[in-house]
């Protein structure tokens, strides 16, 4: 019997890079239950209004919606519960100091399944963009797109 390779799971938070200027990125583990990891493997994740926060020296994510797994039975999970992120103490202390600075926040950028089968969350340390910064991002993206599509 040949071992079937599972399809790659990569769920991206597109509005995060538009709303925030990302200064630094990290990949963190995330503590999930059995039915949650099965939903993640089926791409049933939504990043709407999700953000990370510190509580008692630990990093948590709030409002990350992982849909109910259909075959979970009576042992389902709360779709928007707070989930703990797994990082080294050194990284936690470094980011906790930066969060205390004005305007910084930690936003989830993407979720994926690692080669070992664990769910990982890419998080970014971002500063909110002003309206004119968002307009500049749109102009740069449009200019790049027009250069790419132009026939010479």
N, C-alpha and C. Protein backbone atom coordinates (compact mmCIF):
# COMPACT_ATOMS: atom_id res chain seq x y z
N UNK A 1 0.83 -1.18 0.00
CA UNK A 1 0.00 0.00 0.00
C UNK A 1 0.88 1.25 0.00
N UNK A 2 0.51 2.20 -0.82
CA UNK A 2 1.25 3.46 -0.85
C UNK A 2 0.60 4.47 0.09
N UNK A 3 1.44 5.23 0.73
CA UNK A 3 0.93 6.24 1.67
C UNK A 3 0.49 7.47 0.89
N UNK A 4 -0.78 7.86 1.05
CA UNK A 4 -1.28 9.02 0.34
C UNK A 4 -0.85 10.29 1.05
N UNK A 5 -0.40 11.26 0.28
CA UNK A 5 0.00 12.53 0.85
C UNK A 5 -1.22 13.43 0.98
N UNK A 6 -1.38 14.03 2.15
CA UNK A 6 -2.53 14.91 2.37
C UNK A 6 -2.33 16.21 1.61
N UNK A 7 -3.42 16.79 1.15
CA UNK A 7 -3.30 18.06 0.44
C UNK A 7 -2.79 19.16 1.37
N UNK A 8 -2.02 20.08 0.82
CA UNK A 8 -1.49 21.18 1.60
C UNK A 8 -2.62 22.11 2.02
N UNK A 9 -2.61 22.49 3.27
CA UNK A 9 -3.60 23.43 3.80
C UNK A 9 -2.87 24.74 4.05
N UNK A 10 -3.34 25.81 3.42
CA UNK A 10 -2.75 27.13 3.63
C UNK A 10 -3.89 28.14 3.54
N UNK A 11 -4.27 28.70 4.68
CA UNK A 11 -5.37 29.64 4.76
C UNK A 11 -4.78 31.00 5.08
N UNK A 12 -5.05 31.98 4.23
CA UNK A 12 -4.42 33.29 4.35
C UNK A 12 -5.43 34.34 4.82
N UNK A 13 -4.95 35.26 5.65
CA UNK A 13 -5.75 36.38 6.12
C UNK A 13 -5.42 37.59 5.23
N UNK A 14 -6.13 37.73 4.13
CA UNK A 14 -5.82 38.77 3.15
C UNK A 14 -5.98 40.19 3.67
N UNK A 15 -7.04 40.51 4.43
CA UNK A 15 -7.18 41.89 4.89
C UNK A 15 -6.09 42.35 5.87
N UNK A 16 -5.39 41.42 6.51
CA UNK A 16 -4.40 41.80 7.52
C UNK A 16 -3.28 42.64 6.92
N UNK A 17 -2.77 42.26 5.76
CA UNK A 17 -1.67 43.01 5.16
C UNK A 17 -2.15 44.33 4.57
N UNK A 18 -3.45 44.45 4.31
CA UNK A 18 -3.99 45.71 3.81
C UNK A 18 -4.24 46.68 4.97
N UNK A 19 -4.69 46.17 6.10
CA UNK A 19 -5.02 47.02 7.25
C UNK A 19 -3.81 47.37 8.10
N UNK A 20 -2.76 46.54 8.08
CA UNK A 20 -1.61 46.74 8.96
C UNK A 20 -0.31 46.72 8.17
N UNK A 21 0.64 47.53 8.62
CA UNK A 21 2.01 47.47 8.10
C UNK A 21 2.74 46.47 8.99
N UNK A 22 3.11 45.33 8.43
CA UNK A 22 3.70 44.24 9.21
C UNK A 22 5.19 44.51 9.39
N UNK A 23 5.62 44.59 10.65
CA UNK A 23 7.02 44.87 10.99
C UNK A 23 7.83 43.58 11.15
N UNK A 24 7.23 42.56 11.77
CA UNK A 24 7.94 41.33 12.09
C UNK A 24 6.96 40.17 12.00
N UNK A 25 7.47 38.97 11.70
CA UNK A 25 6.62 37.78 11.57
C UNK A 25 7.20 36.63 12.38
N UNK A 26 6.31 35.78 12.89
CA UNK A 26 6.70 34.57 13.61
C UNK A 26 5.73 33.45 13.25
N UNK A 27 6.20 32.22 13.38
CA UNK A 27 5.33 31.07 13.22
C UNK A 27 5.15 30.45 14.60
N UNK A 28 3.90 30.33 15.01
CA UNK A 28 3.58 29.81 16.34
C UNK A 28 2.73 28.56 16.21
N UNK A 29 2.89 27.66 17.16
CA UNK A 29 2.00 26.52 17.25
C UNK A 29 0.69 26.98 17.86
N UNK A 30 -0.36 26.20 17.69
CA UNK A 30 -1.66 26.56 18.26
C UNK A 30 -2.27 25.32 18.89
N UNK A 31 -2.82 25.48 20.08
CA UNK A 31 -3.43 24.35 20.78
C UNK A 31 -4.86 24.16 20.30
N UNK A 32 -5.13 23.02 19.68
CA UNK A 32 -6.45 22.71 19.14
C UNK A 32 -6.96 21.39 19.70
N UNK A 33 -8.27 21.21 19.67
CA UNK A 33 -8.86 19.93 20.04
C UNK A 33 -8.96 19.07 18.78
N UNK A 34 -9.40 17.84 18.95
CA UNK A 34 -9.47 16.90 17.82
C UNK A 34 -10.40 17.34 16.72
N UNK A 35 -11.58 17.83 17.08
CA UNK A 35 -12.53 18.25 16.05
C UNK A 35 -12.07 19.54 15.37
N UNK A 36 -11.31 20.38 16.09
CA UNK A 36 -10.81 21.62 15.49
C UNK A 36 -9.76 21.34 14.41
N UNK A 37 -8.84 20.43 14.69
CA UNK A 37 -7.79 20.14 13.71
C UNK A 37 -8.39 19.50 12.46
N UNK A 38 -9.45 18.73 12.61
CA UNK A 38 -10.11 18.13 11.44
C UNK A 38 -10.78 19.20 10.61
N UNK A 39 -11.35 20.22 11.24
CA UNK A 39 -11.95 21.33 10.51
C UNK A 39 -10.89 22.17 9.80
N UNK A 40 -9.74 22.35 10.45
CA UNK A 40 -8.64 23.10 9.82
C UNK A 40 -8.17 22.37 8.56
N UNK A 41 -8.08 21.05 8.64
CA UNK A 41 -7.65 20.28 7.47
C UNK A 41 -8.65 20.38 6.33
N UNK A 42 -9.91 20.73 6.64
CA UNK A 42 -10.93 20.92 5.60
C UNK A 42 -11.07 22.39 5.20
N UNK A 43 -10.11 23.25 5.62
CA UNK A 43 -10.09 24.69 5.31
C UNK A 43 -11.30 25.44 5.84
N UNK A 44 -11.81 25.06 6.99
CA UNK A 44 -12.99 25.70 7.58
C UNK A 44 -12.57 26.72 8.64
N UNK A 45 -11.73 27.68 8.24
CA UNK A 45 -11.20 28.68 9.16
C UNK A 45 -11.50 30.07 8.63
N UNK A 46 -11.88 30.98 9.52
CA UNK A 46 -12.14 32.37 9.15
C UNK A 46 -11.41 33.28 10.13
N UNK A 47 -10.71 34.28 9.59
CA UNK A 47 -9.92 35.20 10.42
C UNK A 47 -10.66 36.50 10.74
N UNK A 48 -11.96 36.59 10.49
CA UNK A 48 -12.69 37.85 10.67
C UNK A 48 -12.49 38.42 12.07
N UNK A 49 -11.92 39.62 12.15
CA UNK A 49 -11.73 40.36 13.40
C UNK A 49 -10.91 39.60 14.44
N UNK A 50 -10.07 38.68 14.04
CA UNK A 50 -9.27 37.94 15.02
C UNK A 50 -8.00 38.73 15.34
N UNK A 51 -7.54 38.59 16.57
CA UNK A 51 -6.34 39.27 17.02
C UNK A 51 -5.73 38.48 18.17
N UNK A 52 -4.48 38.80 18.49
CA UNK A 52 -3.76 38.12 19.56
C UNK A 52 -3.58 39.06 20.74
N UNK A 53 -3.53 38.50 21.93
CA UNK A 53 -3.34 39.30 23.14
C UNK A 53 -2.56 38.49 24.17
N UNK A 54 -1.93 39.22 25.10
CA UNK A 54 -1.19 38.58 26.18
C UNK A 54 -2.07 38.49 27.42
N UNK A 55 -2.01 37.33 28.08
CA UNK A 55 -2.71 37.13 29.35
C UNK A 55 -1.81 36.28 30.24
N UNK A 56 -1.36 36.86 31.33
CA UNK A 56 -0.48 36.18 32.30
C UNK A 56 0.79 35.64 31.63
N UNK A 57 1.37 36.44 30.75
CA UNK A 57 2.63 36.06 30.11
C UNK A 57 2.49 35.06 28.98
N UNK A 58 1.28 34.72 28.60
CA UNK A 58 1.05 33.78 27.50
C UNK A 58 0.32 34.50 26.37
N UNK A 59 0.53 34.04 25.15
CA UNK A 59 -0.10 34.65 23.99
C UNK A 59 -1.33 33.83 23.59
N UNK A 60 -2.46 34.51 23.42
CA UNK A 60 -3.73 33.87 23.07
C UNK A 60 -4.28 34.53 21.83
N UNK A 61 -5.12 33.80 21.10
CA UNK A 61 -5.81 34.37 19.94
C UNK A 61 -7.30 34.35 20.22
N UNK A 62 -7.94 35.45 19.84
CA UNK A 62 -9.37 35.61 20.08
C UNK A 62 -10.09 35.82 18.75
N UNK A 63 -11.30 35.32 18.64
CA UNK A 63 -12.19 35.49 17.48
C UNK A 63 -11.74 34.75 16.23
N UNK A 64 -10.85 33.78 16.36
CA UNK A 64 -10.51 32.93 15.22
C UNK A 64 -11.62 31.88 15.10
N UNK A 65 -12.35 31.92 14.00
CA UNK A 65 -13.51 31.04 13.83
C UNK A 65 -13.09 29.76 13.12
N UNK A 66 -13.19 28.65 13.83
CA UNK A 66 -12.97 27.33 13.24
C UNK A 66 -14.32 26.62 13.30
N UNK A 67 -14.89 26.33 12.14
CA UNK A 67 -16.24 25.78 12.05
C UNK A 67 -16.33 24.41 12.73
N UNK A 68 -17.53 24.06 13.13
CA UNK A 68 -17.78 22.76 13.74
C UNK A 68 -17.47 21.65 12.73
N UNK A 69 -16.86 20.58 13.21
CA UNK A 69 -16.61 19.41 12.37
C UNK A 69 -17.91 18.61 12.30
N UNK A 70 -18.31 18.25 11.09
CA UNK A 70 -19.60 17.61 10.87
C UNK A 70 -19.74 16.30 11.64
N UNK A 71 -18.71 15.48 11.66
CA UNK A 71 -18.79 14.16 12.29
C UNK A 71 -18.27 14.16 13.73
N UNK A 72 -18.27 15.29 14.40
CA UNK A 72 -17.72 15.36 15.75
C UNK A 72 -18.62 14.71 16.79
N UNK A 73 -19.88 14.57 16.51
CA UNK A 73 -20.79 13.97 17.48
C UNK A 73 -21.06 14.94 18.63
N UNK A 74 -21.14 14.40 19.83
CA UNK A 74 -21.45 15.24 21.00
C UNK A 74 -20.22 15.96 21.54
N UNK A 75 -19.04 15.65 21.03
CA UNK A 75 -17.80 16.22 21.55
C UNK A 75 -17.33 17.38 20.68
N UNK A 76 -18.23 18.20 20.19
CA UNK A 76 -17.86 19.32 19.34
C UNK A 76 -17.06 20.37 20.09
N UNK A 77 -16.86 21.51 19.47
CA UNK A 77 -16.11 22.59 20.09
C UNK A 77 -16.82 23.93 19.85
N UNK A 78 -16.47 24.91 20.67
CA UNK A 78 -16.98 26.27 20.49
C UNK A 78 -16.18 26.90 19.35
N UNK A 79 -16.83 27.33 18.26
CA UNK A 79 -16.10 27.82 17.08
C UNK A 79 -15.21 29.04 17.32
N UNK A 80 -15.57 29.91 18.28
CA UNK A 80 -14.77 31.13 18.46
C UNK A 80 -14.08 31.19 19.82
N UNK A 81 -13.79 30.06 20.40
CA UNK A 81 -13.14 30.08 21.71
C UNK A 81 -11.72 30.64 21.61
N UNK A 82 -11.19 31.08 22.74
CA UNK A 82 -9.82 31.59 22.78
C UNK A 82 -8.87 30.40 22.76
N UNK A 83 -7.82 30.51 21.95
CA UNK A 83 -6.87 29.41 21.82
C UNK A 83 -5.46 29.90 22.16
N UNK A 84 -4.71 29.07 22.82
CA UNK A 84 -3.36 29.43 23.24
C UNK A 84 -2.38 29.23 22.10
N UNK A 85 -1.47 30.19 21.93
CA UNK A 85 -0.41 30.08 20.94
C UNK A 85 0.88 29.65 21.64
N UNK A 86 1.65 28.82 20.97
CA UNK A 86 2.85 28.24 21.55
C UNK A 86 4.10 28.88 20.96
N UNK A 87 4.83 29.62 21.81
CA UNK A 87 6.07 30.27 21.42
C UNK A 87 7.11 30.10 22.52
N UNK A 88 8.37 30.38 22.18
CA UNK A 88 9.42 30.35 23.19
C UNK A 88 9.27 31.55 24.12
N UNK A 89 9.77 31.42 25.35
CA UNK A 89 9.68 32.53 26.31
C UNK A 89 10.43 33.76 25.81
N UNK A 90 11.54 33.53 25.14
CA UNK A 90 12.34 34.65 24.62
C UNK A 90 11.53 35.45 23.60
N UNK A 91 10.84 34.75 22.71
CA UNK A 91 10.02 35.41 21.70
C UNK A 91 8.84 36.12 22.35
N UNK A 92 8.22 35.48 23.35
CA UNK A 92 7.09 36.09 24.04
C UNK A 92 7.49 37.39 24.72
N UNK A 93 8.64 37.40 25.41
CA UNK A 93 9.09 38.60 26.10
C UNK A 93 9.40 39.72 25.11
N UNK A 94 10.03 39.37 24.00
CA UNK A 94 10.39 40.36 22.98
C UNK A 94 9.14 41.03 22.41
N UNK A 95 8.14 40.23 22.09
CA UNK A 95 6.91 40.78 21.50
C UNK A 95 6.05 41.48 22.55
N UNK A 96 6.10 41.04 23.79
CA UNK A 96 5.34 41.72 24.85
C UNK A 96 5.87 43.14 25.04
N UNK A 97 7.18 43.32 24.94
CA UNK A 97 7.77 44.66 25.04
C UNK A 97 7.32 45.54 23.88
N UNK A 98 7.29 44.98 22.67
CA UNK A 98 6.91 45.77 21.50
C UNK A 98 5.43 46.15 21.53
N UNK A 99 4.60 45.29 22.11
CA UNK A 99 3.16 45.57 22.19
C UNK A 99 2.90 46.77 23.09
N UNK A 100 3.76 46.96 24.08
CA UNK A 100 3.59 48.09 24.99
C UNK A 100 3.83 49.42 24.29
N UNK A 101 4.55 49.39 23.16
CA UNK A 101 4.75 50.60 22.38
C UNK A 101 3.43 51.01 21.74
N UNK A 102 3.30 52.27 21.45
CA UNK A 102 2.04 52.80 20.93
C UNK A 102 1.78 52.30 19.50
N UNK A 103 0.58 51.78 19.30
CA UNK A 103 0.13 51.45 17.96
C UNK A 103 0.41 50.05 17.46
N UNK A 104 1.18 49.24 18.18
CA UNK A 104 1.49 47.90 17.71
C UNK A 104 0.41 46.92 18.16
N UNK A 105 0.13 45.95 17.31
CA UNK A 105 -0.79 44.87 17.64
C UNK A 105 -0.30 43.59 16.96
N UNK A 106 -0.76 42.46 17.44
CA UNK A 106 -0.37 41.17 16.84
C UNK A 106 -1.59 40.63 16.11
N UNK A 107 -1.41 40.40 14.80
CA UNK A 107 -2.51 39.90 13.97
C UNK A 107 -2.12 38.57 13.34
N UNK A 108 -3.08 37.66 13.20
CA UNK A 108 -2.80 36.41 12.50
C UNK A 108 -2.74 36.66 10.99
N UNK A 109 -1.74 36.12 10.33
CA UNK A 109 -1.56 36.31 8.89
C UNK A 109 -1.99 35.09 8.09
N UNK A 110 -1.67 33.90 8.58
CA UNK A 110 -2.06 32.69 7.86
C UNK A 110 -2.03 31.50 8.80
N UNK A 111 -2.70 30.44 8.38
CA UNK A 111 -2.70 29.18 9.13
C UNK A 111 -2.37 28.07 8.14
N UNK A 112 -1.54 27.14 8.57
CA UNK A 112 -1.17 26.04 7.70
C UNK A 112 -0.87 24.80 8.53
N UNK A 113 -0.79 23.67 7.85
CA UNK A 113 -0.42 22.41 8.48
C UNK A 113 1.03 22.13 8.13
N UNK A 114 1.87 21.94 9.15
CA UNK A 114 3.29 21.70 8.91
C UNK A 114 3.51 20.30 8.34
N UNK A 115 4.75 20.02 7.96
CA UNK A 115 5.08 18.70 7.42
C UNK A 115 4.87 17.59 8.46
N UNK A 116 4.97 17.95 9.74
CA UNK A 116 4.76 16.97 10.81
C UNK A 116 3.29 16.74 11.11
N UNK A 117 2.40 17.53 10.51
CA UNK A 117 0.97 17.36 10.73
C UNK A 117 0.39 18.27 11.79
N UNK A 118 1.20 19.21 12.31
CA UNK A 118 0.72 20.14 13.32
C UNK A 118 0.18 21.41 12.69
N UNK A 119 -0.84 21.99 13.31
CA UNK A 119 -1.37 23.26 12.83
C UNK A 119 -0.46 24.38 13.32
N UNK A 120 -0.10 25.28 12.42
CA UNK A 120 0.77 26.41 12.74
C UNK A 120 0.07 27.68 12.31
N UNK A 121 0.33 28.75 13.04
CA UNK A 121 -0.27 30.04 12.77
C UNK A 121 0.86 31.04 12.58
N UNK A 122 0.87 31.71 11.42
CA UNK A 122 1.86 32.76 11.20
C UNK A 122 1.25 34.06 11.72
N UNK A 123 1.95 34.70 12.65
CA UNK A 123 1.46 35.94 13.23
C UNK A 123 2.41 37.07 12.87
N UNK A 124 1.88 38.27 12.84
CA UNK A 124 2.70 39.43 12.49
C UNK A 124 2.51 40.55 13.49
N UNK A 125 3.60 41.26 13.74
CA UNK A 125 3.56 42.43 14.59
C UNK A 125 3.31 43.62 13.68
N UNK A 126 2.13 44.20 13.78
CA UNK A 126 1.75 45.23 12.83
C UNK A 126 1.35 46.53 13.47
N UNK A 127 1.45 47.57 12.68
CA UNK A 127 1.02 48.90 13.07
C UNK A 127 -0.08 49.29 12.10
N UNK A 128 -1.19 49.80 12.60
CA UNK A 128 -2.33 50.15 11.75
C UNK A 128 -1.98 51.18 10.71
N UNK A 129 -2.45 50.95 9.48
CA UNK A 129 -2.21 51.88 8.40
C UNK A 129 -3.25 53.00 8.42
N UNK A 130 -2.83 54.18 8.03
CA UNK A 130 -3.74 55.30 7.85
C UNK A 130 -4.38 55.17 6.47
N UNK A 131 -5.39 55.99 6.21
CA UNK A 131 -6.11 55.93 4.94
C UNK A 131 -5.18 56.19 3.76
N UNK A 132 -4.28 57.18 3.89
CA UNK A 132 -3.39 57.48 2.77
C UNK A 132 -2.39 56.35 2.51
N UNK A 133 -2.00 55.60 3.57
CA UNK A 133 -1.13 54.46 3.38
C UNK A 133 -1.83 53.36 2.60
N UNK A 134 -3.12 53.17 2.89
CA UNK A 134 -3.89 52.16 2.16
C UNK A 134 -4.02 52.54 0.70
N UNK A 135 -4.21 53.82 0.43
CA UNK A 135 -4.30 54.29 -0.96
C UNK A 135 -2.99 54.05 -1.68
N UNK A 136 -1.87 54.29 -1.01
CA UNK A 136 -0.56 54.02 -1.61
C UNK A 136 -0.39 52.55 -1.94
N UNK A 137 -0.88 51.68 -1.05
CA UNK A 137 -0.79 50.24 -1.29
C UNK A 137 -1.60 49.85 -2.52
N UNK A 138 -2.79 50.44 -2.66
CA UNK A 138 -3.63 50.14 -3.82
C UNK A 138 -2.97 50.63 -5.11
N UNK A 139 -2.38 51.83 -5.09
CA UNK A 139 -1.71 52.37 -6.27
C UNK A 139 -0.53 51.49 -6.68
N UNK A 140 0.27 51.07 -5.71
CA UNK A 140 1.43 50.23 -6.02
C UNK A 140 0.99 48.89 -6.60
N UNK A 141 -0.06 48.32 -6.05
CA UNK A 141 -0.56 47.03 -6.53
C UNK A 141 -1.10 47.16 -7.95
N UNK A 142 -1.85 48.24 -8.22
CA UNK A 142 -2.39 48.47 -9.56
C UNK A 142 -1.28 48.71 -10.59
N UNK A 143 -0.26 49.47 -10.20
CA UNK A 143 0.85 49.74 -11.11
C UNK A 143 1.60 48.46 -11.44
N UNK A 144 1.81 47.62 -10.43
CA UNK A 144 2.49 46.34 -10.66
C UNK A 144 1.67 45.44 -11.57
N UNK A 145 0.38 45.43 -11.37
CA UNK A 145 -0.51 44.61 -12.18
C UNK A 145 -0.52 45.08 -13.63
N UNK A 146 -0.55 46.41 -13.83
CA UNK A 146 -0.58 46.93 -15.21
C UNK A 146 0.73 46.65 -15.94
N UNK A 147 1.87 46.71 -15.23
CA UNK A 147 3.16 46.37 -15.85
C UNK A 147 3.22 44.90 -16.20
N UNK A 148 2.66 44.07 -15.36
CA UNK A 148 2.67 42.63 -15.58
C UNK A 148 1.81 42.24 -16.78
N UNK A 149 0.67 42.89 -16.95
CA UNK A 149 -0.27 42.54 -18.02
C UNK A 149 0.01 43.27 -19.33
N UNK A 150 0.93 44.20 -19.31
CA UNK A 150 1.18 45.00 -20.52
C UNK A 150 1.98 44.16 -21.53
N UNK A 151 1.51 44.20 -22.79
CA UNK A 151 2.23 43.47 -23.84
C UNK A 151 3.20 44.43 -24.51
N UNK A 152 4.44 44.06 -24.59
CA UNK A 152 5.48 44.91 -25.19
C UNK A 152 5.69 44.51 -26.60
